[in-house]
């Protein structure tokens, strides 16, 4: 794996939003802040101390920003029904959860999410059949199988994230 760059300007902002969580194969690890933070955390945990799992350690890795809303141009939390409340400090959790369930329900009902779920189910069934066949005939070329197995889950997850953000 590549060693991540540490200069702030070298990271691609938000690249982790499109991440498939297969860092070992990703050509963008040197430009990914998430990967850099995970490497730093793993280095801190190498001695078994667990120091890299603390909130203080992880927040120390995040860059200081003058404007915390940077990257959220056009977003005003006061305009959203989900985040509106009587005080600035409070969010109505019940209202948020109701709204979240509505969004999740709409997302699950979209055609592409339904089809992605079917694809995942069919692919998993095929993978089980393939494993039985492999036991009978010997070891196949594992690379294509590993790729199919990894990405069959990612299609549904990424579609759900993209569609729910539109609702």
Protein backbone atom coordinates (compact mmCIF):
# COMPACT_ATOMS: atom_id res chain seq x y z
CA UNK A 1 0.00 0.00 0.00
CA UNK A 2 1.12 3.50 -0.74
CA UNK A 3 2.06 5.86 2.06
CA UNK A 4 -0.36 8.78 2.20
CA UNK A 5 0.91 12.29 1.68
CA UNK A 6 0.65 14.57 4.67
CA UNK A 7 0.41 17.97 2.99
CA UNK A 8 -3.13 19.37 3.24
CA UNK A 9 -3.34 20.40 -0.43
CA UNK A 10 -2.59 16.90 -1.66
CA UNK A 11 -5.87 15.39 -0.46
CA UNK A 12 -8.87 15.21 -2.79
CA UNK A 13 -11.76 16.69 -0.81
CA UNK A 14 -14.62 14.24 -0.35
CA UNK A 15 -13.06 11.38 -2.33
CA UNK A 16 -14.03 9.00 0.47
CA UNK A 17 -17.70 9.61 -0.42
CA UNK A 18 -17.11 7.41 -3.47
CA UNK A 19 -14.99 4.88 -1.62
CA UNK A 20 -15.47 1.16 -2.13
CA UNK A 21 -13.42 0.40 1.02
CA UNK A 22 -10.88 -1.66 -0.90
CA UNK A 23 -7.85 0.47 -0.10
CA UNK A 24 -5.42 -2.30 -1.05
CA UNK A 25 -6.44 -1.85 -4.69
CA UNK A 26 -7.18 1.86 -4.78
CA UNK A 27 -4.89 4.12 -6.85
CA UNK A 28 -6.03 7.18 -4.85
CA UNK A 29 -4.82 6.24 -1.35
CA UNK A 30 -2.05 8.83 -1.44
CA UNK A 31 -4.70 11.53 -1.96
CA UNK A 32 -7.35 10.22 0.48
CA UNK A 33 -7.65 11.81 3.93
CA UNK A 34 -9.66 8.82 5.23
CA UNK A 35 -6.86 6.43 4.27
CA UNK A 36 -4.25 8.70 5.86
CA UNK A 37 -6.23 8.83 9.11
CA UNK A 38 -6.66 5.06 9.14
CA UNK A 39 -2.93 4.55 8.55
CA UNK A 40 -2.13 6.91 11.42
CA UNK A 41 -4.65 5.12 13.65
CA UNK A 42 -3.24 1.70 12.74
CA UNK A 43 0.29 2.92 13.46
CA UNK A 44 -0.83 4.13 16.90
CA UNK A 45 -2.55 0.80 17.58
CA UNK A 46 0.39 -1.33 16.38
CA UNK A 47 1.61 -1.75 19.96
CA UNK A 48 -1.84 -2.93 21.08
CA UNK A 49 -2.47 0.20 23.16
CA UNK A 50 -5.66 1.22 21.35
CA UNK A 51 -4.55 4.88 21.54
CA UNK A 52 -5.42 5.38 17.88
CA UNK A 53 -9.08 4.65 18.58
CA UNK A 54 -9.60 7.63 20.86
CA UNK A 55 -11.73 10.56 19.73
CA UNK A 56 -8.96 12.96 20.75
CA UNK A 57 -6.45 11.23 18.49
CA UNK A 58 -8.80 11.19 15.50
CA UNK A 59 -9.80 14.84 15.94
CA UNK A 60 -6.11 15.79 16.08
CA UNK A 61 -5.75 14.38 12.56
CA UNK A 62 -8.46 16.61 11.13
CA UNK A 63 -7.34 19.96 9.74
CA UNK A 64 -8.34 23.16 11.50
CA UNK A 65 -10.84 25.20 9.48
CA UNK A 66 -11.87 28.75 9.97
CA UNK A 67 -15.32 28.03 8.59
CA UNK A 68 -16.72 24.66 9.70
CA UNK A 69 -19.38 24.81 6.99
CA UNK A 70 -16.73 24.78 4.25
CA UNK A 71 -17.78 22.29 1.62
CA UNK A 72 -21.48 22.72 2.40
CA UNK A 73 -22.22 25.69 0.17
CA UNK A 74 -25.93 26.36 -0.07
CA UNK A 75 -26.80 24.20 2.94
CA UNK A 76 -28.59 25.94 5.76
CA UNK A 77 -29.51 23.66 8.68
CA UNK A 78 -32.24 26.10 9.74
CA UNK A 79 -34.09 25.52 6.45
CA UNK A 80 -34.43 21.77 6.98
CA UNK A 81 -37.52 20.44 8.78
CA UNK A 82 -35.46 17.54 10.07
CA UNK A 83 -33.00 19.75 11.93
CA UNK A 84 -35.36 22.55 12.98
CA UNK A 85 -35.97 22.85 16.73
CA UNK A 86 -37.07 25.37 19.35
CA UNK A 87 -33.49 25.99 20.47
CA UNK A 88 -30.21 26.09 18.63
CA UNK A 89 -28.82 23.30 20.82
CA UNK A 90 -31.59 20.72 20.45
CA UNK A 91 -32.64 18.39 17.67
CA UNK A 92 -35.94 16.53 17.96
CA UNK A 93 -34.68 12.97 17.77
CA UNK A 94 -38.13 11.43 17.29
CA UNK A 95 -38.88 13.77 14.39
CA UNK A 96 -35.50 13.05 12.86
CA UNK A 97 -36.03 9.27 13.13
CA UNK A 98 -39.52 9.53 11.57
CA UNK A 99 -38.10 11.54 8.66
CA UNK A 100 -35.19 9.10 8.31
CA UNK A 101 -37.61 6.12 8.16
CA UNK A 102 -39.63 7.89 5.43
CA UNK A 103 -36.48 8.53 3.40
CA UNK A 104 -35.27 4.96 3.88
CA UNK A 105 -38.66 3.60 2.83
CA UNK A 106 -38.72 5.75 -0.34
CA UNK A 107 -35.14 4.74 -1.11
CA UNK A 108 -35.83 1.01 -0.70
CA UNK A 109 -38.84 1.29 -3.04
CA UNK A 110 -36.95 2.80 -5.98
CA UNK A 111 -36.54 0.48 -8.95
CA UNK A 112 -32.75 0.60 -9.11
CA UNK A 113 -32.42 -0.24 -5.37
CA UNK A 114 -34.89 -3.13 -5.76
CA UNK A 115 -32.92 -4.41 -8.77
CA UNK A 116 -29.62 -3.98 -6.93
CA UNK A 117 -31.04 -6.08 -4.08
CA UNK A 118 -32.04 -8.80 -6.54
CA UNK A 119 -28.60 -8.65 -8.13
CA UNK A 120 -26.96 -9.07 -4.72
CA UNK A 121 -29.21 -12.02 -3.87
CA UNK A 122 -28.58 -13.70 -7.25
CA UNK A 123 -24.84 -13.06 -7.05
CA UNK A 124 -24.60 -14.51 -3.56
CA UNK A 125 -26.50 -17.62 -4.73
CA UNK A 126 -24.14 -17.92 -7.70
CA UNK A 127 -21.14 -17.52 -5.38
CA UNK A 128 -22.38 -20.40 -3.17
CA UNK A 129 -22.85 -22.58 -6.27
CA UNK A 130 -19.41 -21.56 -7.51
CA UNK A 131 -17.83 -22.55 -4.19
CA UNK A 132 -19.40 -26.01 -4.49
CA UNK A 133 -18.08 -26.35 -8.04
CA UNK A 134 -14.60 -25.22 -6.99
CA UNK A 135 -14.51 -27.94 -4.34
CA UNK A 136 -15.25 -30.53 -7.03
CA UNK A 137 -12.90 -29.38 -9.81
CA UNK A 138 -10.10 -27.63 -7.97
CA UNK A 139 -8.97 -24.02 -7.55
CA UNK A 140 -10.08 -21.54 -10.26
CA UNK A 141 -8.67 -18.13 -11.13
CA UNK A 142 -9.53 -16.38 -7.85
CA UNK A 143 -9.04 -12.75 -8.91
CA UNK A 144 -12.30 -12.35 -10.87
CA UNK A 145 -14.23 -14.16 -8.14
CA UNK A 146 -12.78 -11.88 -5.45
CA UNK A 147 -13.76 -8.80 -7.45
CA UNK A 148 -17.33 -10.02 -8.03
CA UNK A 149 -17.69 -10.96 -4.38
CA UNK A 150 -16.44 -7.56 -3.20
CA UNK A 151 -18.45 -5.35 -5.53
CA UNK A 152 -21.77 -7.22 -5.42
CA UNK A 153 -22.35 -5.58 -2.03
CA UNK A 154 -21.10 -2.15 -3.05
CA UNK A 155 -23.66 -1.61 -5.83
CA UNK A 156 -26.62 -1.65 -3.47
CA UNK A 157 -24.91 0.37 -0.75
CA UNK A 158 -23.76 3.13 -3.10
CA UNK A 159 -27.12 3.36 -4.85
CA UNK A 160 -28.94 3.66 -1.53
CA UNK A 161 -26.61 6.42 -0.38
CA UNK A 162 -26.97 8.36 -3.63
CA UNK A 163 -30.74 8.02 -3.83
CA UNK A 164 -31.44 8.75 -0.16
CA UNK A 165 -29.43 11.96 -0.45
CA UNK A 166 -31.87 13.12 -3.16
CA UNK A 167 -34.85 12.55 -0.88
